[in-house]
Every structure is written in structure tokens, then in C-alpha cells.
Amino acid sequence: MSLKGDIDPIIRHAQPDDAAALAQPMCELGYETTKSEMQMRVERIATDERYRTFVAVRDNKVCGMIGTLTYPSYEHNVPSGEFLPW
């Protein structure tokens, strides 16, 4: 249900240019980082097929992020996974 004035965010894959927007919340969560460090991490994670990183964008600003990770499982015949939010 939408309320008057609500704006749905756009969800898309994270891009290296999102690094500055992602660095600040990481610092607020206690993970000190710089824009260049965050850009390096986003680029490195993007090359690992087990990870996916998505950002929410509202008014042309990144307002949220979630990562996913899949990995083999001892308990099941199919991969397991995790959500990695901030």
C-alpha cells in the first residue's frame, strides 16, 4: 500500500561510483573506511561470483545497500546464503 507522497526507491547493482555513499554508513557502523578503500572493496567483491551487491536509490542518492553471499553447504545439496545488510 502506498501512502500519498511515498516514493519507491530504485534497486540496482552497486557500482564503483557508489563508494563514497557506501563509505559513510560503514563508518557509522564502526567500520572505519575511506572512499578509495570502499571503492576497492566494491570492485573486488564485484569480481567474486558468490557475491551480489545492490543499492537502493531515492532522489538520485544511495539510501540503502544489501549484499548477498552464496556458498557450498555441508547440510544441503544446494548452496546456502546470507544477506549482508547495513
PDB file of N, CA and C in Angstrom:
ATOM      1  N   MET A   1       0.834  -1.171   0.000  1.00  0.00           N
ATOM      2  CA  MET A   1       0.000   0.000   0.000  1.00  0.00           C
ATOM      3  C   MET A   1       0.882   1.239   0.000  1.00  0.00           C
ATOM      4  N   SER A   2       0.641   2.135  -0.918  1.00  0.00           N
ATOM      5  CA  SER A   2       1.394   3.389  -0.971  1.00  0.00           C
ATOM      6  C   SER A   2       0.614   4.493  -0.287  1.00  0.00           C
ATOM      7  N   LEU A   3       1.332   5.310   0.444  1.00  0.00           N
ATOM      8  CA  LEU A   3       0.746   6.488   1.045  1.00  0.00           C
ATOM      9  C   LEU A   3       1.051   7.677   0.176  1.00  0.00           C
ATOM     10  N   LYS A   4       0.207   8.678   0.240  1.00  0.00           N
ATOM     11  CA  LYS A   4       0.416   9.868  -0.575  1.00  0.00           C
ATOM     12  C   LYS A   4       1.795  10.451  -0.296  1.00  0.00           C
ATOM     13  N   GLY A   5       2.544  10.709  -1.343  1.00  0.00           N
ATOM     14  CA  GLY A   5       3.874  11.277  -1.198  1.00  0.00           C
ATOM     15  C   GLY A   5       4.983  10.255  -1.092  1.00  0.00           C
ATOM     16  N   ASP A   6       4.636   8.955  -0.927  1.00  0.00           N
ATOM     17  CA  ASP A   6       5.671   7.932  -0.890  1.00  0.00           C
ATOM     18  C   ASP A   6       6.373   7.841  -2.237  1.00  0.00           C
ATOM     19  N   ILE A   7       7.664   7.605  -2.183  1.00  0.00           N
ATOM     20  CA  ILE A   7       8.444   7.411  -3.410  1.00  0.00           C
ATOM     21  C   ILE A   7       9.164   6.084  -3.268  1.00  0.00           C
ATOM     22  N   ASP A   8       8.914   5.175  -4.193  1.00  0.00           N
ATOM     23  CA  ASP A   8       9.590   3.887  -4.156  1.00  0.00           C
ATOM     24  C   ASP A   8      11.028   4.056  -4.624  1.00  0.00           C
ATOM     25  N   PRO A   9      11.981   3.476  -3.888  1.00  0.00           N
ATOM     26  CA  PRO A   9      13.373   3.563  -4.337  1.00  0.00           C
ATOM     27  C   PRO A   9      13.605   2.669  -5.547  1.00  0.00           C
ATOM     28  N   ILE A  10      14.625   2.977  -6.278  1.00  0.00           N
ATOM     29  CA  ILE A  10      15.087   2.140  -7.389  1.00  0.00           C
ATOM     30  C   ILE A  10      16.157   1.226  -6.818  1.00  0.00           C
ATOM     31  N   ILE A  11      16.074  -0.063  -7.119  1.00  0.00           N
ATOM     32  CA  ILE A  11      17.077  -1.029  -6.684  1.00  0.00           C
ATOM     33  C   ILE A  11      17.931  -1.390  -7.891  1.00  0.00           C
ATOM     34  N   ARG A  12      19.251  -1.304  -7.718  1.00  0.00           N
ATOM     35  CA  ARG A  12      20.163  -1.641  -8.821  1.00  0.00           C
ATOM     36  C   ARG A  12      21.444  -2.234  -8.247  1.00  0.00           C
ATOM     37  N   HIS A  13      22.237  -2.824  -9.133  1.00  0.00           N
ATOM     38  CA  HIS A  13      23.547  -3.338  -8.724  1.00  0.00           C
ATOM     39  C   HIS A  13      24.444  -2.164  -8.329  1.00  0.00           C
ATOM     40  N   ALA A  14      25.242  -2.362  -7.290  1.00  0.00           N
ATOM     41  CA  ALA A  14      26.193  -1.331  -6.869  1.00  0.00           C
ATOM     42  C   ALA A  14      27.257  -1.148  -7.936  1.00  0.00           C
ATOM     43  N   GLN A  15      27.753   0.065  -8.034  1.00  0.00           N
ATOM     44  CA  GLN A  15      28.795   0.427  -8.981  1.00  0.00           C
ATOM     45  C   GLN A  15      29.950   1.069  -8.214  1.00  0.00           C
ATOM     46  N   PRO A  16      31.158   1.024  -8.768  1.00  0.00           N
ATOM     47  CA  PRO A  16      32.294   1.650  -8.080  1.00  0.00           C
ATOM     48  C   PRO A  16      32.031   3.113  -7.715  1.00  0.00           C
ATOM     49  N   ASP A  17      31.253   3.827  -8.516  1.00  0.00           N
ATOM     50  CA  ASP A  17      30.937   5.229  -8.225  1.00  0.00           C
ATOM     51  C   ASP A  17      30.097   5.390  -6.959  1.00  0.00           C
ATOM     52  N   ASP A  18      29.534   4.312  -6.444  1.00  0.00           N
ATOM     53  CA  ASP A  18      28.730   4.369  -5.218  1.00  0.00           C
ATOM     54  C   ASP A  18      29.600   4.362  -3.960  1.00  0.00           C
ATOM     55  N   ALA A  19      30.900   4.234  -4.112  1.00  0.00           N
ATOM     56  CA  ALA A  19      31.810   4.046  -2.976  1.00  0.00           C
ATOM     57  C   ALA A  19      31.679   5.140  -1.921  1.00  0.00           C
ATOM     58  N   ALA A  20      31.601   6.390  -2.323  1.00  0.00           N
ATOM     59  CA  ALA A  20      31.511   7.479  -1.337  1.00  0.00           C
ATOM     60  C   ALA A  20      30.236   7.355  -0.522  1.00  0.00           C
ATOM     61  N   ALA A  21      29.139   7.031  -1.189  1.00  0.00           N
ATOM     62  CA  ALA A  21      27.861   6.890  -0.498  1.00  0.00           C
ATOM     63  C   ALA A  21      27.859   5.681   0.425  1.00  0.00           C
ATOM     64  N   LEU A  22      28.635   4.663   0.120  1.00  0.00           N
ATOM     65  CA  LEU A  22      28.695   3.467   0.953  1.00  0.00           C
ATOM     66  C   LEU A  22      29.700   3.599   2.098  1.00  0.00           C
ATOM     67  N   ALA A  23      30.717   4.429   1.933  1.00  0.00           N
ATOM     68  CA  ALA A  23      31.752   4.570   2.955  1.00  0.00           C
ATOM     69  C   ALA A  23      31.207   5.190   4.236  1.00  0.00           C
ATOM     70  N   GLN A  24      30.384   6.207   4.123  1.00  0.00           N
ATOM     71  CA  GLN A  24      29.890   6.895   5.316  1.00  0.00           C
ATOM     72  C   GLN A  24      29.093   5.979   6.238  1.00  0.00           C
ATOM     73  N   PRO A  25      28.117   5.219   5.734  1.00  0.00           N
ATOM     74  CA  PRO A  25      27.400   4.320   6.643  1.00  0.00           C
ATOM     75  C   PRO A  25      28.299   3.256   7.266  1.00  0.00           C
ATOM     76  N   MET A  26      29.299   2.789   6.529  1.00  0.00           N
ATOM     77  CA  MET A  26      30.228   1.819   7.104  1.00  0.00           C
ATOM     78  C   MET A  26      30.944   2.427   8.310  1.00  0.00           C
ATOM     79  N   CYS A  27      31.349   3.686   8.188  1.00  0.00           N
ATOM     80  CA  CYS A  27      31.998   4.371   9.314  1.00  0.00           C
ATOM     81  C   CYS A  27      31.026   4.498  10.485  1.00  0.00           C
ATOM     82  N   GLU A  28      29.784   4.834  10.202  1.00  0.00           N
ATOM     83  CA  GLU A  28      28.780   4.972  11.256  1.00  0.00           C
ATOM     84  C   GLU A  28      28.536   3.643  11.972  1.00  0.00           C
ATOM     85  N   LEU A  29      28.736   2.544  11.270  1.00  0.00           N
ATOM     86  CA  LEU A  29      28.580   1.221  11.874  1.00  0.00           C
ATOM     87  C   LEU A  29      29.845   0.761  12.606  1.00  0.00           C
ATOM     88  N   GLY A  30      30.885   1.593  12.571  1.00  0.00           N
ATOM     89  CA  GLY A  30      32.109   1.259  13.283  1.00  0.00           C
ATOM     90  C   GLY A  30      33.192   0.642  12.424  1.00  0.00           C
ATOM     91  N   TYR A  31      32.987   0.617  11.110  1.00  0.00           N
ATOM     92  CA  TYR A  31      33.974   0.057  10.190  1.00  0.00           C
ATOM     93  C   TYR A  31      34.652   1.206   9.454  1.00  0.00           C
ATOM     94  N   GLU A  32      35.641   1.822  10.093  1.00  0.00           N
ATOM     95  CA  GLU A  32      36.314   2.984   9.507  1.00  0.00           C
ATOM     96  C   GLU A  32      36.844   2.655   8.119  1.00  0.00           C
ATOM     97  N   THR A  33      36.514   3.488   7.171  1.00  0.00           N
ATOM     98  CA  THR A  33      36.959   3.291   5.793  1.00  0.00           C
ATOM     99  C   THR A  33      36.951   4.620   5.065  1.00  0.00           C
ATOM    100  N   THR A  34      37.662   4.677   3.970  1.00  0.00           N
ATOM    101  CA  THR A  34      37.677   5.860   3.115  1.00  0.00           C
ATOM    102  C   THR A  34      36.949   5.529   1.819  1.00  0.00           C
ATOM    103  N   LYS A  35      36.680   6.566   1.044  1.00  0.00           N
ATOM    104  CA  LYS A  35      36.031   6.362  -0.256  1.00  0.00           C
ATOM    105  C   LYS A  35      36.876   5.435  -1.130  1.00  0.00           C
ATOM    106  N   SER A  36      38.192   5.651  -1.160  1.00  0.00           N
ATOM    107  CA  SER A  36      39.042   4.825  -2.023  1.00  0.00           C
ATOM    108  C   SER A  36      39.088   3.382  -1.538  1.00  0.00           C
ATOM    109  N   GLU A  37      39.097   3.167  -0.219  1.00  0.00           N
ATOM    110  CA  GLU A  37      39.069   1.798   0.304  1.00  0.00           C
ATOM    111  C   GLU A  37      37.747   1.116  -0.051  1.00  0.00           C
ATOM    112  N   MET A  38      36.651   1.866   0.082  1.00  0.00           N
ATOM    113  CA  MET A  38      35.347   1.291  -0.229  1.00  0.00           C
ATOM    114  C   MET A  38      35.240   0.984  -1.713  1.00  0.00           C
ATOM    115  N   GLN A  39      35.779   1.840  -2.552  1.00  0.00           N
ATOM    116  CA  GLN A  39      35.760   1.591  -3.995  1.00  0.00           C
ATOM    117  C   GLN A  39      36.537   0.316  -4.310  1.00  0.00           C
ATOM    118  N   MET A  40      37.692   0.129  -3.680  1.00  0.00           N
ATOM    119  CA  MET A  40      38.490  -1.077  -3.896  1.00  0.00           C
ATOM    120  C   MET A  40      37.685  -2.317  -3.475  1.00  0.00           C
ATOM    121  N   ARG A  41      36.993  -2.227  -2.332  1.00  0.00           N
ATOM    122  CA  ARG A  41      36.208  -3.364  -1.851  1.00  0.00           C
ATOM    123  C   ARG A  41      35.067  -3.694  -2.801  1.00  0.00           C
ATOM    124  N   VAL A  42      34.338  -2.655  -3.241  1.00  0.00           N
ATOM    125  CA  VAL A  42      33.213  -2.881  -4.163  1.00  0.00           C
ATOM    126  C   VAL A  42      33.709  -3.524  -5.448  1.00  0.00           C
ATOM    127  N   GLU A  43      34.822  -3.025  -5.979  1.00  0.00           N
ATOM    128  CA  GLU A  43      35.376  -3.587  -7.213  1.00  0.00           C
ATOM    129  C   GLU A  43      35.822  -5.036  -7.016  1.00  0.00           C
ATOM    130  N   ARG A  44      36.461  -5.321  -5.884  1.00  0.00           N
ATOM    131  CA  ARG A  44      36.932  -6.683  -5.611  1.00  0.00           C
ATOM    132  C   ARG A  44      35.756  -7.638  -5.427  1.00  0.00           C
ATOM    133  N   ILE A  45      34.763  -7.218  -4.666  1.00  0.00           N
ATOM    134  CA  ILE A  45      33.592  -8.062  -4.430  1.00  0.00           C
ATOM    135  C   ILE A  45      32.850  -8.313  -5.742  1.00  0.00           C
ATOM    136  N   ALA A  46      32.821  -7.320  -6.618  1.00  0.00           N
ATOM    137  CA  ALA A  46      32.114  -7.464  -7.897  1.00  0.00           C
ATOM    138  C   ALA A  46      32.716  -8.558  -8.775  1.00  0.00           C
ATOM    139  N   THR A  47      33.977  -8.913  -8.547  1.00  0.00           N
ATOM    140  CA  THR A  47      34.614  -9.954  -9.359  1.00  0.00           C
ATOM    141  C   THR A  47      34.401 -11.352  -8.786  1.00  0.00           C
ATOM    142  N   ASP A  48      33.813 -11.433  -7.588  1.00  0.00           N
ATOM    143  CA  ASP A  48      33.579 -12.718  -6.936  1.00  0.00           C
ATOM    144  C   ASP A  48      32.142 -13.146  -7.189  1.00  0.00           C
ATOM    145  N   GLU A  49      31.961 -14.209  -7.948  1.00  0.00           N
ATOM    146  CA  GLU A  49      30.623 -14.646  -8.367  1.00  0.00           C
ATOM    147  C   GLU A  49      29.715 -15.037  -7.209  1.00  0.00           C
ATOM    148  N   ARG A  50      30.286 -15.261  -6.031  1.00  0.00           N
ATOM    149  CA  ARG A  50      29.462 -15.643  -4.879  1.00  0.00           C
ATOM    150  C   ARG A  50      28.717 -14.452  -4.289  1.00  0.00           C
ATOM    151  N   TYR A  51      29.184 -13.246  -4.579  1.00  0.00           N
ATOM    152  CA  TYR A  51      28.610 -12.031  -4.003  1.00  0.00           C
ATOM    153  C   TYR A  51      27.765 -11.274  -5.013  1.00  0.00           C
ATOM    154  N   ARG A  52      26.739 -10.596  -4.502  1.00  0.00           N
ATOM    155  CA  ARG A  52      25.959  -9.623  -5.266  1.00  0.00           C
ATOM    156  C   ARG A  52      25.750  -8.445  -4.320  1.00  0.00           C
ATOM    157  N   THR A  53      25.888  -7.237  -4.847  1.00  0.00           N
ATOM    158  CA  THR A  53      25.686  -6.039  -4.042  1.00  0.00           C
ATOM    159  C   THR A  53      24.646  -5.176  -4.739  1.00  0.00           C
ATOM    160  N   PHE A  54      23.621  -4.792  -3.984  1.00  0.00           N
ATOM    161  CA  PHE A  54      22.537  -3.970  -4.503  1.00  0.00           C
ATOM    162  C   PHE A  54      22.445  -2.700  -3.668  1.00  0.00           C
ATOM    163  N   VAL A  55      22.085  -1.608  -4.322  1.00  0.00           N
ATOM    164  CA  VAL A  55      21.838  -0.358  -3.614  1.00  0.00           C
ATOM    165  C   VAL A  55      20.417   0.105  -3.909  1.00  0.00           C
ATOM    166  N   ALA A  56      19.854   0.804  -2.940  1.00  0.00           N
ATOM    167  CA  ALA A  56      18.566   1.475  -3.119  1.00  0.00           C
ATOM    168  C   ALA A  56      18.875   2.940  -3.389  1.00  0.00           C
ATOM    169  N   VAL A  57      18.216   3.499  -4.400  1.00  0.00           N
ATOM    170  CA  VAL A  57      18.453   4.884  -4.792  1.00  0.00           C
ATOM    171  C   VAL A  57      17.129   5.639  -4.752  1.00  0.00           C
ATOM    172  N   ARG A  58      17.139   6.770  -4.061  1.00  0.00           N
ATOM    173  CA  ARG A  58      15.965   7.642  -3.988  1.00  0.00           C
ATOM    174  C   ARG A  58      16.442   9.066  -4.221  1.00  0.00           C
ATOM    175  N   ASP A  59      15.758   9.780  -5.087  1.00  0.00           N
ATOM    176  CA  ASP A  59      16.150  11.156  -5.432  1.00  0.00           C
ATOM    177  C   ASP A  59      17.608  11.221  -5.882  1.00  0.00           C
ATOM    178  N   ASN A  60      18.020  10.226  -6.659  1.00  0.00           N
ATOM    179  CA  ASN A  60      19.371  10.133  -7.207  1.00  0.00           C
ATOM    180  C   ASN A  60      20.456   9.994  -6.142  1.00  0.00           C
ATOM    181  N   LYS A  61      20.094   9.554  -4.930  1.00  0.00           N
ATOM    182  CA  LYS A  61      21.067   9.326  -3.857  1.00  0.00           C
ATOM    183  C   LYS A  61      20.936   7.899  -3.352  1.00  0.00           C
ATOM    184  N   VAL A  62      22.085   7.265  -3.093  1.00  0.00           N
ATOM    185  CA  VAL A  62      22.074   5.932  -2.499  1.00  0.00           C
ATOM    186  C   VAL A  62      21.562   6.073  -1.074  1.00  0.00           C
ATOM    187  N   CYS A  63      20.507   5.318  -0.749  1.00  0.00           N
ATOM    188  CA  CYS A  63      19.909   5.409   0.586  1.00  0.00           C
ATOM    189  C   CYS A  63      19.894   4.063   1.305  1.00  0.00           C
ATOM    190  N   GLY A  64      20.435   3.036   0.677  1.00  0.00           N
ATOM    191  CA  GLY A  64      20.480   1.729   1.308  1.00  0.00           C
ATOM    192  C   GLY A  64      21.344   0.785   0.498  1.00  0.00           C
ATOM    193  N   MET A  65      21.746  -0.303   1.133  1.00  0.00           N
ATOM    194  CA  MET A  65      22.603  -1.287   0.487  1.00  0.00           C
ATOM    195  C   MET A  65      22.341  -2.643   1.111  1.00  0.00           C
ATOM    196  N   ILE A  66      22.416  -3.672   0.292  1.00  0.00           N
ATOM    197  CA  ILE A  66      22.381  -5.035   0.801  1.00  0.00           C
ATOM    198  C   ILE A  66      23.291  -5.883  -0.076  1.00  0.00           C
ATOM    199  N   GLY A  67      24.002  -6.782   0.551  1.00  0.00           N
ATOM    200  CA  GLY A  67      24.844  -7.718  -0.176  1.00  0.00           C
ATOM    201  C   GLY A  67      24.335  -9.125   0.064  1.00  0.00           C
ATOM    202  N   THR A  68      24.580  -9.984  -0.889  1.00  0.00           N
ATOM    203  CA  THR A  68      24.258 -11.400  -0.725  1.00  0.00           C
ATOM    204  C   THR A  68      25.516 -12.214  -0.960  1.00  0.00           C
ATOM    205  N   LEU A  69      25.587 -13.340  -0.285  1.00  0.00           N
ATOM    206  CA  LEU A  69      26.716 -14.249  -0.410  1.00  0.00           C
ATOM    207  C   LEU A  69      26.172 -15.664  -0.466  1.00  0.00           C
ATOM    208  N   THR A  70      26.594 -16.423  -1.453  1.00  0.00           N
ATOM    209  CA  THR A  70      26.228 -17.838  -1.531  1.00  0.00           C
ATOM    210  C   THR A  70      27.486 -18.673  -1.371  1.00  0.00           C
ATOM    211  N   TYR A  71      27.310 -19.879  -0.790  1.00  0.00           N
ATOM    212  CA  TYR A  71      28.454 -20.745  -0.555  1.00  0.00           C
ATOM    213  C   TYR A  71      27.982 -22.186  -0.445  1.00  0.00           C
ATOM    214  N   PRO A  72      28.879 -23.143  -0.689  1.00  0.00           N
ATOM    215  CA  PRO A  72      28.514 -24.552  -0.560  1.00  0.00           C
ATOM    216  C   PRO A  72      28.092 -24.871   0.868  1.00  0.00           C
ATOM    217  N   SER A  73      27.260 -25.885   0.988  1.00  0.00           N
ATOM    218  CA  SER A  73      26.717 -26.235   2.294  1.00  0.00           C
ATOM    219  C   SER A  73      27.047 -27.679   2.657  1.00  0.00           C
ATOM    220  N   TYR A  74      27.394 -27.900   3.905  1.00  0.00           N
ATOM    221  CA  TYR A  74      27.560 -29.260   4.407  1.00  0.00           C
ATOM    222  C   TYR A  74      26.200 -29.900   4.672  1.00  0.00           C
ATOM    223  N   GLU A  75      25.223 -29.068   4.976  1.00  0.00           N
ATOM    224  CA  GLU A  75      23.919 -29.570   5.397  1.00  0.00           C
ATOM    225  C   GLU A  75      22.965 -29.880   4.249  1.00  0.00           C
ATOM    226  N   HIS A  76      23.182 -29.265   3.068  1.00  0.00           N
ATOM    227  CA  HIS A  76      22.235 -29.394   1.961  1.00  0.00           C
ATOM    228  C   HIS A  76      22.969 -29.656   0.644  1.00  0.00           C
ATOM    229  N   ASN A  77      22.230 -30.092  -0.352  1.00  0.00           N
ATOM    230  CA  ASN A  77      22.815 -30.353  -1.673  1.00  0.00           C
ATOM    231  C   ASN A  77      22.862 -29.116  -2.549  1.00  0.00           C
ATOM    232  N   VAL A  78      22.250 -28.044  -2.103  1.00  0.00           N
ATOM    233  CA  VAL A  78      22.242 -26.780  -2.841  1.00  0.00           C
ATOM    234  C   VAL A  78      22.994 -25.735  -2.026  1.00  0.00           C
ATOM    235  N   PRO A  79      23.449 -24.667  -2.672  1.00  0.00           N
ATOM    236  CA  PRO A  79      24.201 -23.634  -1.937  1.00  0.00           C
ATOM    237  C   PRO A  79      23.354 -22.990  -0.833  1.00  0.00           C
ATOM    238  N   SER A  80      24.040 -22.556   0.197  1.00  0.00           N
ATOM    239  CA  SER A  80      23.438 -21.748   1.251  1.00  0.00           C
ATOM    240  C   SER A  80      23.742 -20.285   0.963  1.00  0.00           C
ATOM    241  N   GLY A  81      23.197 -19.397   1.754  1.00  0.00           N
ATOM    242  CA  GLY A  81      23.455 -17.991   1.524  1.00  0.00           C
ATOM    243  C   GLY A  81      23.199 -17.135   2.727  1.00  0.00           C
ATOM    244  N   GLU A  82      23.632 -15.895   2.602  1.00  0.00           N
ATOM    245  CA  GLU A  82      23.465 -14.907   3.662  1.00  0.00           C
ATOM    246  C   GLU A  82      23.108 -13.572   3.027  1.00  0.00           C
ATOM    247  N   PHE A  83      22.377 -12.765   3.794  1.00  0.00           N
ATOM    248  CA  PHE A  83      22.170 -11.358   3.454  1.00  0.00           C
ATOM    249  C   PHE A  83      23.137 -10.554   4.301  1.00  0.00           C
ATOM    250  N   LEU A  84      23.753  -9.547   3.712  1.00  0.00           N
ATOM    251  CA  LEU A  84      24.735  -8.730   4.406  1.00  0.00           C
ATOM    252  C   LEU A  84      24.275  -7.270   4.349  1.00  0.00           C
ATOM    253  N   PRO A  85      23.296  -6.867   5.194  1.00  0.00           N
ATOM    254  CA  PRO A  85      22.752  -5.510   5.116  1.00  0.00           C
ATOM    255  C   PRO A  85      23.575  -4.487   5.885  1.00  0.00           C
ATOM    256  N   TRP A  86      23.276  -3.231   5.646  1.00  0.00           N
ATOM    257  CA  TRP A  86      23.760  -2.164   6.527  1.00  0.00           C
ATOM    258  C   TRP A  86      22.633  -1.278   6.898  1.00  0.00           C
TER     259      TRP A  86
END
